[in-house]
Amino acid sequence: MRRTLSPGTLVLLVVALASAACASVTINKVLADPSRYRDRNVTVSGEVADSFSVASRGVYRLKDGSGELWVVSEQGVPRTGARVEVTGRIREGYNLGELGGRLPAGLGTGLVLVESSHRAK
């Protein structure tokens, strides 16, 4: 006998798998093994420690008590001190181009989270 899933069950299964793929992790886990998260969607939460905006692009430093990670955004940056949840892709050796020259030393290249969305907590 062959079993089939109802459309409702199939939708729930897809949503559960998608949620697991974007499950929230600590910044320390990302920093400890960046190759595990490279080019994958990841969600991190924390407090914005610094934020910089130039034209339509910006970056902000997110800290969660386990570590700090720079986030690149093309959707505007949250203010310093804001608590946010950020989803995006981890990139190594990311080049910020002209924006990198206007930011703190060492930020122009390196490990960053390229944001697809963020929301205030």
Protein backbone atom coordinates (compact mmCIF):
# COMPACT_ATOMS: atom_id res chain seq x y z
CA MET A 1 0.00 0.00 0.00
CA ARG A 2 1.35 3.41 -1.00
CA ARG A 3 0.88 6.44 1.27
CA THR A 4 0.69 10.00 0.04
CA LEU A 5 0.88 13.22 2.00
CA SER A 6 -2.01 15.63 2.04
CA PRO A 7 -1.28 19.08 0.59
CA GLY A 8 -1.52 20.62 4.09
CA THR A 9 0.98 18.15 5.52
CA LEU A 10 3.34 18.76 2.61
CA VAL A 11 3.21 22.53 3.17
CA LEU A 12 3.95 22.09 6.88
CA LEU A 13 6.90 19.83 6.07
CA VAL A 14 8.37 22.34 3.62
CA VAL A 15 7.96 25.20 6.12
CA ALA A 16 9.62 23.14 8.88
CA LEU A 17 12.58 22.29 6.64
CA ALA A 18 12.98 25.91 5.55
CA SER A 19 12.87 27.07 9.18
CA ALA A 20 15.53 24.56 10.16
CA ALA A 21 17.75 25.72 7.29
CA CYS A 22 17.63 29.29 8.65
CA ALA A 23 17.70 28.39 12.35
CA SER A 24 19.28 31.01 14.56
CA VAL A 25 22.88 30.40 15.63
CA THR A 26 25.27 32.30 17.85
CA ILE A 27 27.89 34.52 16.28
CA ASN A 28 30.57 32.45 18.01
CA LYS A 29 29.42 29.33 16.13
CA VAL A 30 29.75 31.19 12.83
CA LEU A 31 33.19 32.59 13.73
CA ALA A 32 34.45 29.22 15.02
CA ASP A 33 33.61 27.38 11.78
CA PRO A 34 32.89 29.87 8.98
CA SER A 35 33.27 27.24 6.25
CA ARG A 36 30.24 25.41 7.68
CA TYR A 37 28.07 28.50 7.14
CA ARG A 38 29.71 29.96 4.01
CA ASP A 39 27.19 30.85 1.30
CA ARG A 40 24.30 29.54 3.41
CA ASN A 41 21.39 31.41 4.90
CA VAL A 42 21.89 31.96 8.61
CA THR A 43 20.01 33.93 11.26
CA VAL A 44 21.75 35.68 14.15
CA SER A 45 20.41 38.00 16.83
CA GLY A 46 22.08 40.66 18.90
CA GLU A 47 22.69 44.32 19.63
CA VAL A 48 24.02 46.77 17.07
CA ALA A 49 27.38 48.01 18.39
CA ASP A 50 28.26 50.35 15.47
CA SER A 51 26.50 51.32 12.27
CA PHE A 52 27.71 53.18 9.19
CA SER A 53 25.78 54.23 6.11
CA VAL A 54 26.99 55.65 2.81
CA ALA A 55 24.50 56.27 0.00
CA SER A 56 22.26 53.20 -0.32
CA ARG A 57 24.67 50.78 1.40
CA GLY A 58 25.71 50.35 4.97
CA VAL A 59 27.31 48.07 7.51
CA TYR A 60 26.76 47.44 11.16
CA ARG A 61 28.56 45.45 13.84
CA LEU A 62 26.32 42.98 15.63
CA LYS A 63 27.25 41.50 19.01
CA ASP A 64 25.43 38.75 20.88
CA GLY A 65 27.54 38.08 23.97
CA SER A 66 29.37 35.22 22.22
CA GLY A 67 31.11 37.36 19.59
CA GLU A 68 30.81 40.15 17.03
CA LEU A 69 30.09 40.04 13.29
CA TRP A 70 29.88 42.76 10.66
CA VAL A 71 26.66 42.83 8.63
CA VAL A 72 26.46 44.35 5.13
CA SER A 73 23.09 45.86 4.19
CA GLU A 74 21.58 47.44 1.12
CA GLN A 75 18.29 48.05 2.94
CA GLY A 76 19.41 50.63 5.48
CA VAL A 77 21.08 50.02 8.82
CA PRO A 78 19.57 49.91 12.30
CA ARG A 79 20.72 52.46 14.86
CA THR A 80 23.47 51.74 17.35
CA GLY A 81 21.99 50.02 20.41
CA ALA A 82 19.06 48.44 18.56
CA ARG A 83 18.32 44.75 19.16
CA VAL A 84 17.79 42.96 15.85
CA GLU A 85 17.45 39.55 14.27
CA VAL A 86 19.31 39.32 10.96
CA THR A 87 19.08 36.73 8.20
CA GLY A 88 21.56 36.57 5.37
CA ARG A 89 24.49 34.73 3.81
CA ILE A 90 27.94 34.36 5.36
CA ARG A 91 30.69 35.49 2.99
CA GLU A 92 34.45 35.29 3.47
CA GLY A 93 36.82 37.70 1.77
CA TYR A 94 33.96 40.09 1.03
CA ASN A 95 35.07 43.31 -0.63
CA LEU A 96 33.07 46.40 0.28
CA GLY A 97 34.57 48.46 -2.54
CA GLU A 98 34.52 52.24 -2.01
CA LEU A 99 32.48 51.83 1.15
CA GLY A 100 35.36 49.86 2.73
CA GLY A 101 37.66 52.89 2.57
CA ARG A 102 35.29 54.93 4.72
CA LEU A 103 34.95 52.36 7.50
CA PRO A 104 37.15 51.27 10.41
CA ALA A 105 40.47 49.64 9.48
CA GLY A 106 40.25 45.93 8.72
CA LEU A 107 36.58 45.98 7.74
CA GLY A 108 37.14 46.43 3.99
CA THR A 109 37.60 42.67 3.58
CA GLY A 110 36.87 39.66 5.77
CA LEU A 111 34.04 37.56 7.15
CA VAL A 112 30.64 39.28 6.96
CA LEU A 113 26.96 38.48 6.93
CA VAL A 114 25.34 39.85 3.76
CA GLU A 115 21.87 40.71 4.98
CA SER A 116 18.72 39.66 3.18
CA SER A 117 16.49 40.97 5.99
CA HIS A 118 16.55 42.28 9.53
CA ARG A 119 13.86 43.04 12.06
CA ALA A 120 13.85 44.82 15.39
CA LYS A 121 13.30 42.69 18.48
